[in-house]
Amino acid sequence: MDFRTRKIAFIQEFLRLNNEKIISQLELVLNKEKKKYKENNTQPMTIEEFDERIGKSLKDAEEGRLTEIEQLVDEIEKWV
């Protein structure tokens, strides 16, 4: 069975689940594995990339493209 077929079969089986405990456990495993994958596959920025991001951020600030802290907090609270 190829990767794509396995994913489809897994999704179909997942959609048949009626047990919240199993779904919660699968969510925990998925989030844990995604975090582990991200940590293991993250590459540090080069100095050039870092400088480029700083320049872009300064330009955004100069041009008024900022988010006030209160607005950011309100937005974050909607995520949960």
PDB file of N, CA and C in Angstrom:
ATOM      1  N   MET A   1       0.850  -1.171   0.000  1.00  0.00           N
ATOM      2  CA  MET A   1       0.000   0.000   0.000  1.00  0.00           C
ATOM      3  C   MET A   1       0.902   1.243   0.000  1.00  0.00           C
ATOM      4  N   ASP A   2       0.679   2.149  -0.946  1.00  0.00           N
ATOM      5  CA  ASP A   2       1.509   3.352  -1.022  1.00  0.00           C
ATOM      6  C   ASP A   2       1.076   4.368   0.038  1.00  0.00           C
ATOM      7  N   PHE A   3       1.894   5.396   0.181  1.00  0.00           N
ATOM      8  CA  PHE A   3       1.699   6.399   1.234  1.00  0.00           C
ATOM      9  C   PHE A   3       0.340   7.077   1.122  1.00  0.00           C
ATOM     10  N   ARG A   4      -0.015   7.497  -0.078  1.00  0.00           N
ATOM     11  CA  ARG A   4      -1.295   8.201  -0.287  1.00  0.00           C
ATOM     12  C   ARG A   4      -2.478   7.311   0.085  1.00  0.00           C
ATOM     13  N   THR A   5      -2.436   6.074  -0.311  1.00  0.00           N
ATOM     14  CA  THR A   5      -3.511   5.124  -0.003  1.00  0.00           C
ATOM     15  C   THR A   5      -3.607   4.893   1.495  1.00  0.00           C
ATOM     16  N   ARG A   6      -2.465   4.792   2.167  1.00  0.00           N
ATOM     17  CA  ARG A   6      -2.452   4.622   3.625  1.00  0.00           C
ATOM     18  C   ARG A   6      -3.098   5.815   4.314  1.00  0.00           C
ATOM     19  N   LYS A   7      -2.788   7.039   3.835  1.00  0.00           N
ATOM     20  CA  LYS A   7      -3.371   8.233   4.439  1.00  0.00           C
ATOM     21  C   LYS A   7      -4.887   8.240   4.278  1.00  0.00           C
ATOM     22  N   ILE A   8      -5.358   7.910   3.111  1.00  0.00           N
ATOM     23  CA  ILE A   8      -6.807   7.877   2.849  1.00  0.00           C
ATOM     24  C   ILE A   8      -7.478   6.831   3.726  1.00  0.00           C
ATOM     25  N   ALA A   9      -6.872   5.647   3.833  1.00  0.00           N
ATOM     26  CA  ALA A   9      -7.437   4.588   4.673  1.00  0.00           C
ATOM     27  C   ALA A   9      -7.487   5.031   6.135  1.00  0.00           C
ATOM     28  N   PHE A  10      -6.434   5.713   6.587  1.00  0.00           N
ATOM     29  CA  PHE A  10      -6.395   6.192   7.971  1.00  0.00           C
ATOM     30  C   PHE A  10      -7.502   7.219   8.208  1.00  0.00           C
ATOM     31  N   ILE A  11      -7.657   8.149   7.287  1.00  0.00           N
ATOM     32  CA  ILE A  11      -8.690   9.179   7.423  1.00  0.00           C
ATOM     33  C   ILE A  11     -10.079   8.544   7.446  1.00  0.00           C
ATOM     34  N   GLN A  12     -10.308   7.576   6.588  1.00  0.00           N
ATOM     35  CA  GLN A  12     -11.608   6.906   6.566  1.00  0.00           C
ATOM     36  C   GLN A  12     -11.885   6.206   7.894  1.00  0.00           C
ATOM     37  N   GLU A  13     -10.874   5.533   8.421  1.00  0.00           N
ATOM     38  CA  GLU A  13     -11.033   4.857   9.711  1.00  0.00           C
ATOM     39  C   GLU A  13     -11.268   5.875  10.822  1.00  0.00           C
ATOM     40  N   PHE A  14     -10.540   6.983  10.782  1.00  0.00           N
ATOM     41  CA  PHE A  14     -10.700   8.040  11.772  1.00  0.00           C
ATOM     42  C   PHE A  14     -12.125   8.589  11.747  1.00  0.00           C
ATOM     43  N   LEU A  15     -12.665   8.804  10.570  1.00  0.00           N
ATOM     44  CA  LEU A  15     -14.020   9.354  10.450  1.00  0.00           C
ATOM     45  C   LEU A  15     -15.085   8.407  10.990  1.00  0.00           C
ATOM     46  N   ARG A  16     -14.784   7.111  11.047  1.00  0.00           N
ATOM     47  CA  ARG A  16     -15.731   6.137  11.592  1.00  0.00           C
ATOM     48  C   ARG A  16     -15.715   6.090  13.126  1.00  0.00           C
ATOM     49  N   LEU A  17     -14.705   6.692  13.741  1.00  0.00           N
ATOM     50  CA  LEU A  17     -14.581   6.638  15.198  1.00  0.00           C
ATOM     51  C   LEU A  17     -15.733   7.368  15.880  1.00  0.00           C
ATOM     52  N   ASN A  18     -16.223   6.766  16.960  1.00  0.00           N
ATOM     53  CA  ASN A  18     -17.263   7.393  17.766  1.00  0.00           C
ATOM     54  C   ASN A  18     -16.841   7.467  19.225  1.00  0.00           C
ATOM     55  N   ASN A  19     -15.558   7.298  19.474  1.00  0.00           N
ATOM     56  CA  ASN A  19     -15.038   7.269  20.835  1.00  0.00           C
ATOM     57  C   ASN A  19     -14.161   8.500  21.050  1.00  0.00           C
ATOM     58  N   GLU A  20     -14.634   9.419  21.892  1.00  0.00           N
ATOM     59  CA  GLU A  20     -13.910  10.672  22.110  1.00  0.00           C
ATOM     60  C   GLU A  20     -12.541  10.436  22.736  1.00  0.00           C
ATOM     61  N   LYS A  21     -12.421   9.420  23.577  1.00  0.00           N
ATOM     62  CA  LYS A  21     -11.145   9.124  24.228  1.00  0.00           C
ATOM     63  C   LYS A  21     -10.087   8.739  23.191  1.00  0.00           C
ATOM     64  N   ILE A  22     -10.457   7.923  22.238  1.00  0.00           N
ATOM     65  CA  ILE A  22      -9.514   7.521  21.186  1.00  0.00           C
ATOM     66  C   ILE A  22      -9.121   8.724  20.340  1.00  0.00           C
ATOM     67  N   ILE A  23     -10.085   9.563  20.005  1.00  0.00           N
ATOM     68  CA  ILE A  23      -9.795  10.758  19.206  1.00  0.00           C
ATOM     69  C   ILE A  23      -8.850  11.680  19.974  1.00  0.00           C
ATOM     70  N   SER A  24      -9.080  11.856  21.267  1.00  0.00           N
ATOM     71  CA  SER A  24      -8.195  12.690  22.082  1.00  0.00           C
ATOM     72  C   SER A  24      -6.784  12.130  22.110  1.00  0.00           C
ATOM     73  N   GLN A  25      -6.661  10.821  22.244  1.00  0.00           N
ATOM     74  CA  GLN A  25      -5.335  10.200  22.251  1.00  0.00           C
ATOM     75  C   GLN A  25      -4.630  10.381  20.907  1.00  0.00           C
ATOM     76  N   LEU A  26      -5.379  10.227  19.818  1.00  0.00           N
ATOM     77  CA  LEU A  26      -4.794  10.434  18.489  1.00  0.00           C
ATOM     78  C   LEU A  26      -4.345  11.884  18.304  1.00  0.00           C
ATOM     79  N   GLU A  27      -5.137  12.824  18.816  1.00  0.00           N
ATOM     80  CA  GLU A  27      -4.754  14.239  18.749  1.00  0.00           C
ATOM     81  C   GLU A  27      -3.450  14.478  19.497  1.00  0.00           C
ATOM     82  N   LEU A  28      -3.331  13.889  20.682  1.00  0.00           N
ATOM     83  CA  LEU A  28      -2.107  14.047  21.470  1.00  0.00           C
ATOM     84  C   LEU A  28      -0.896  13.494  20.734  1.00  0.00           C
ATOM     85  N   VAL A  29      -1.041  12.305  20.161  1.00  0.00           N
ATOM     86  CA  VAL A  29       0.067  11.693  19.412  1.00  0.00           C
ATOM     87  C   VAL A  29       0.422  12.553  18.211  1.00  0.00           C
ATOM     88  N   LEU A  30      -0.584  13.010  17.477  1.00  0.00           N
ATOM     89  CA  LEU A  30      -0.339  13.839  16.297  1.00  0.00           C
ATOM     90  C   LEU A  30       0.406  15.117  16.665  1.00  0.00           C
ATOM     91  N   ASN A  31      -0.068  15.820  17.690  1.00  0.00           N
ATOM     92  CA  ASN A  31       0.580  17.067  18.100  1.00  0.00           C
ATOM     93  C   ASN A  31       2.000  16.831  18.593  1.00  0.00           C
ATOM     94  N   LYS A  32       2.202  15.767  19.354  1.00  0.00           N
ATOM     95  CA  LYS A  32       3.536  15.439  19.858  1.00  0.00           C
ATOM     96  C   LYS A  32       4.495  15.138  18.705  1.00  0.00           C
ATOM     97  N   GLU A  33       4.047  14.349  17.756  1.00  0.00           N
ATOM     98  CA  GLU A  33       4.902  13.974  16.631  1.00  0.00           C
ATOM     99  C   GLU A  33       5.174  15.154  15.703  1.00  0.00           C
ATOM    100  N   LYS A  34       4.177  16.015  15.503  1.00  0.00           N
ATOM    101  CA  LYS A  34       4.391  17.213  14.683  1.00  0.00           C
ATOM    102  C   LYS A  34       5.420  18.125  15.329  1.00  0.00           C
ATOM    103  N   LYS A  35       5.324  18.285  16.646  1.00  0.00           N
ATOM    104  CA  LYS A  35       6.275  19.124  17.374  1.00  0.00           C
ATOM    105  C   LYS A  35       7.677  18.543  17.271  1.00  0.00           C
ATOM    106  N   LYS A  36       7.786  17.230  17.467  1.00  0.00           N
ATOM    107  CA  LYS A  36       9.083  16.563  17.384  1.00  0.00           C
ATOM    108  C   LYS A  36       9.677  16.714  15.974  1.00  0.00           C
ATOM    109  N   TYR A  37       8.842  16.546  14.947  1.00  0.00           N
ATOM    110  CA  TYR A  37       9.303  16.675  13.565  1.00  0.00           C
ATOM    111  C   TYR A  37       9.808  18.090  13.302  1.00  0.00           C
ATOM    112  N   LYS A  38       9.031  19.078  13.766  1.00  0.00           N
ATOM    113  CA  LYS A  38       9.404  20.471  13.557  1.00  0.00           C
ATOM    114  C   LYS A  38      10.734  20.792  14.241  1.00  0.00           C
ATOM    115  N   GLU A  39      10.891  20.315  15.475  1.00  0.00           N
ATOM    116  CA  GLU A  39      12.125  20.562  16.219  1.00  0.00           C
ATOM    117  C   GLU A  39      13.332  19.928  15.528  1.00  0.00           C
ATOM    118  N   ASN A  40      13.140  18.751  14.958  1.00  0.00           N
ATOM    119  CA  ASN A  40      14.244  18.035  14.322  1.00  0.00           C
ATOM    120  C   ASN A  40      14.553  18.523  12.913  1.00  0.00           C
ATOM    121  N   ASN A  41      13.629  19.259  12.308  1.00  0.00           N
ATOM    122  CA  ASN A  41      13.812  19.679  10.920  1.00  0.00           C
ATOM    123  C   ASN A  41      13.898  21.194  10.747  1.00  0.00           C
ATOM    124  N   THR A  42      14.076  21.896  11.832  1.00  0.00           N
ATOM    125  CA  THR A  42      14.199  23.340  11.767  1.00  0.00           C
ATOM    126  C   THR A  42      15.663  23.705  11.553  1.00  0.00           C
ATOM    127  N   GLN A  43      15.893  24.544  10.584  1.00  0.00           N
ATOM    128  CA  GLN A  43      17.246  24.991  10.283  1.00  0.00           C
ATOM    129  C   GLN A  43      17.433  26.411  10.802  1.00  0.00           C
ATOM    130  N   PRO A  44      18.570  26.691  11.397  1.00  0.00           N
ATOM    131  CA  PRO A  44      18.801  28.063  11.848  1.00  0.00           C
ATOM    132  C   PRO A  44      18.921  29.017  10.654  1.00  0.00           C
ATOM    133  N   MET A  45      18.545  30.271  10.888  1.00  0.00           N
ATOM    134  CA  MET A  45      18.671  31.286   9.846  1.00  0.00           C
ATOM    135  C   MET A  45      20.146  31.610   9.619  1.00  0.00           C
ATOM    136  N   THR A  46      20.440  31.972   8.397  1.00  0.00           N
ATOM    137  CA  THR A  46      21.771  32.495   8.126  1.00  0.00           C
ATOM    138  C   THR A  46      21.800  33.951   8.595  1.00  0.00           C
ATOM    139  N   ILE A  47      22.971  34.510   8.724  1.00  0.00           N
ATOM    140  CA  ILE A  47      23.107  35.922   9.098  1.00  0.00           C
ATOM    141  C   ILE A  47      22.402  36.795   8.060  1.00  0.00           C
ATOM    142  N   GLU A  48      22.520  36.421   6.790  1.00  0.00           N
ATOM    143  CA  GLU A  48      21.880  37.193   5.725  1.00  0.00           C
ATOM    144  C   GLU A  48      20.356  37.177   5.873  1.00  0.00           C
ATOM    145  N   GLU A  49      19.788  35.992   6.152  1.00  0.00           N
ATOM    146  CA  GLU A  49      18.340  35.895   6.343  1.00  0.00           C
ATOM    147  C   GLU A  49      17.903  36.708   7.559  1.00  0.00           C
ATOM    148  N   PHE A  50      18.686  36.640   8.617  1.00  0.00           N
ATOM    149  CA  PHE A  50      18.379  37.387   9.836  1.00  0.00           C
ATOM    150  C   PHE A  50      18.386  38.886   9.558  1.00  0.00           C
ATOM    151  N   ASP A  51      19.426  39.358   8.875  1.00  0.00           N
ATOM    152  CA  ASP A  51      19.515  40.779   8.523  1.00  0.00           C
ATOM    153  C   ASP A  51      18.356  41.203   7.629  1.00  0.00           C
ATOM    154  N   GLU A  52      17.977  40.334   6.706  1.00  0.00           N
ATOM    155  CA  GLU A  52      16.860  40.636   5.797  1.00  0.00           C
ATOM    156  C   GLU A  52      15.550  40.785   6.585  1.00  0.00           C
ATOM    157  N   ARG A  53      15.326  39.898   7.543  1.00  0.00           N
ATOM    158  CA  ARG A  53      14.117  39.983   8.366  1.00  0.00           C
ATOM    159  C   ARG A  53      14.112  41.245   9.221  1.00  0.00           C
ATOM    160  N   ILE A  54      15.255  41.593   9.759  1.00  0.00           N
ATOM    161  CA  ILE A  54      15.345  42.826  10.553  1.00  0.00           C
ATOM    162  C   ILE A  54      15.004  44.027   9.678  1.00  0.00           C
ATOM    163  N   GLY A  55      15.579  44.066   8.471  1.00  0.00           N
ATOM    164  CA  GLY A  55      15.301  45.166   7.553  1.00  0.00           C
ATOM    165  C   GLY A  55      13.830  45.260   7.204  1.00  0.00           C
ATOM    166  N   LYS A  56      13.207  44.120   6.931  1.00  0.00           N
ATOM    167  CA  LYS A  56      11.779  44.106   6.604  1.00  0.00           C
ATOM    168  C   LYS A  56      10.952  44.589   7.801  1.00  0.00           C
ATOM    169  N   SER A  57      11.324  44.147   8.991  1.00  0.00           N
ATOM    170  CA  SER A  57      10.595  44.560  10.198  1.00  0.00           C
ATOM    171  C   SER A  57      10.710  46.061  10.424  1.00  0.00           C
ATOM    172  N   LEU A  58      11.901  46.602  10.233  1.00  0.00           N
ATOM    173  CA  LEU A  58      12.086  48.044  10.399  1.00  0.00           C
ATOM    174  C   LEU A  58      11.276  48.828   9.376  1.00  0.00           C
ATOM    175  N   LYS A  59      11.256  48.327   8.139  1.00  0.00           N
ATOM    176  CA  LYS A  59      10.473  48.987   7.090  1.00  0.00           C
ATOM    177  C   LYS A  59       8.983  48.935   7.432  1.00  0.00           C
ATOM    178  N   ASP A  60       8.506  47.771   7.898  1.00  0.00           N
ATOM    179  CA  ASP A  60       7.100  47.651   8.307  1.00  0.00           C
ATOM    180  C   ASP A  60       6.773  48.655   9.403  1.00  0.00           C
ATOM    181  N   ALA A  61       7.666  48.798  10.373  1.00  0.00           N
ATOM    182  CA  ALA A  61       7.446  49.743  11.473  1.00  0.00           C
ATOM    183  C   ALA A  61       7.392  51.175  10.956  1.00  0.00           C
ATOM    184  N   GLU A  62       8.317  51.520  10.073  1.00  0.00           N
ATOM    185  CA  GLU A  62       8.345  52.870   9.507  1.00  0.00           C
ATOM    186  C   GLU A  62       7.074  53.185   8.727  1.00  0.00           C
ATOM    187  N   GLU A  63       6.499  52.159   8.081  1.00  0.00           N
ATOM    188  CA  GLU A  63       5.312  52.353   7.257  1.00  0.00           C
ATOM    189  C   GLU A  63       4.014  52.101   8.027  1.00  0.00           C
ATOM    190  N   GLY A  64       4.143  51.929   9.351  1.00  0.00           N
ATOM    191  CA  GLY A  64       2.958  51.816  10.190  1.00  0.00           C
ATOM    192  C   GLY A  64       2.271  50.459  10.184  1.00  0.00           C
ATOM    193  N   ARG A  65       2.932  49.443   9.672  1.00  0.00           N
ATOM    194  CA  ARG A  65       2.336  48.098   9.656  1.00  0.00           C
ATOM    195  C   ARG A  65       2.700  47.394  10.966  1.00  0.00           C
ATOM    196  N   LEU A  66       1.986  47.794  12.025  1.00  0.00           N
ATOM    197  CA  LEU A  66       2.225  47.255  13.357  1.00  0.00           C
ATOM    198  C   LEU A  66       0.905  46.773  13.943  1.00  0.00           C
ATOM    199  N   THR A  67       0.998  45.910  14.941  1.00  0.00           N
ATOM    200  CA  THR A  67      -0.171  45.447  15.672  1.00  0.00           C
ATOM    201  C   THR A  67       0.017  45.837  17.128  1.00  0.00           C
ATOM    202  N   GLU A  68      -0.956  46.562  17.662  1.00  0.00           N
ATOM    203  CA  GLU A  68      -0.904  46.949  19.062  1.00  0.00           C
ATOM    204  C   GLU A  68      -1.042  45.704  19.929  1.00  0.00           C
ATOM    205  N   ILE A  69      -0.415  45.699  21.092  1.00  0.00           N
ATOM    206  CA  ILE A  69      -0.408  44.533  21.965  1.00  0.00           C
ATOM    207  C   ILE A  69      -1.811  44.106  22.367  1.00  0.00           C
ATOM    208  N   GLU A  70      -2.693  45.070  22.639  1.00  0.00           N
ATOM    209  CA  GLU A  70      -4.061  44.736  23.038  1.00  0.00           C
ATOM    210  C   GLU A  70      -4.784  43.999  21.907  1.00  0.00           C
ATOM    211  N   GLN A  71      -4.583  44.477  20.687  1.00  0.00           N
ATOM    212  CA  GLN A  71      -5.206  43.845  19.526  1.00  0.00           C
ATOM    213  C   GLN A  71      -4.662  42.431  19.346  1.00  0.00           C
ATOM    214  N   LEU A  72      -3.362  42.256  19.541  1.00  0.00           N
ATOM    215  CA  LEU A  72      -2.743  40.943  19.409  1.00  0.00           C
ATOM    216  C   LEU A  72      -3.288  39.977  20.460  1.00  0.00           C
ATOM    217  N   VAL A  73      -3.393  40.437  21.700  1.00  0.00           N
ATOM    218  CA  VAL A  73      -3.927  39.604  22.779  1.00  0.00           C
ATOM    219  C   VAL A  73      -5.371  39.188  22.451  1.00  0.00           C
ATOM    220  N   ASP A  74      -6.185  40.128  21.994  1.00  0.00           N
ATOM    221  CA  ASP A  74      -7.571  39.807  21.623  1.00  0.00           C
ATOM    222  C   ASP A  74      -7.607  38.757  20.518  1.00  0.00           C
ATOM    223  N   GLU A  75      -6.726  38.889  19.547  1.00  0.00           N
ATOM    224  CA  GLU A  75      -6.676  37.936  18.439  1.00  0.00           C
ATOM    225  C   GLU A  75      -6.252  36.552  18.929  1.00  0.00           C
ATOM    226  N   ILE A  76      -5.262  36.501  19.797  1.00  0.00           N
ATOM    227  CA  ILE A  76      -4.773  35.223  20.318  1.00  0.00           C
ATOM    228  C   ILE A  76      -5.862  34.514  21.128  1.00  0.00           C
ATOM    229  N   GLU A  77      -6.630  35.269  21.882  1.00  0.00           N
ATOM    230  CA  GLU A  77      -7.699  34.676  22.693  1.00  0.00           C
ATOM    231  C   GLU A  77      -8.760  33.999  21.817  1.00  0.00           C
ATOM    232  N   LYS A  78      -8.915  34.430  20.589  1.00  0.00           N
ATOM    233  CA  LYS A  78      -9.881  33.820  19.675  1.00  0.00           C
ATOM    234  C   LYS A  78      -9.380  32.487  19.120  1.00  0.00           C
ATOM    235  N   TRP A  79      -8.075  32.222  19.226  1.00  0.00           N
ATOM    236  CA  TRP A  79      -7.511  30.973  18.718  1.00  0.00           C
ATOM    237  C   TRP A  79      -7.974  29.769  19.506  1.00  0.00           C
ATOM    238  N   VAL A  80      -8.251  29.967  20.779  1.00  0.00           N
ATOM    239  CA  VAL A  80      -8.550  28.822  21.651  1.00  0.00           C
ATOM    240  C   VAL A  80     -10.004  28.492  21.668  1.00  0.00           C
TER     241      VAL A  80
END
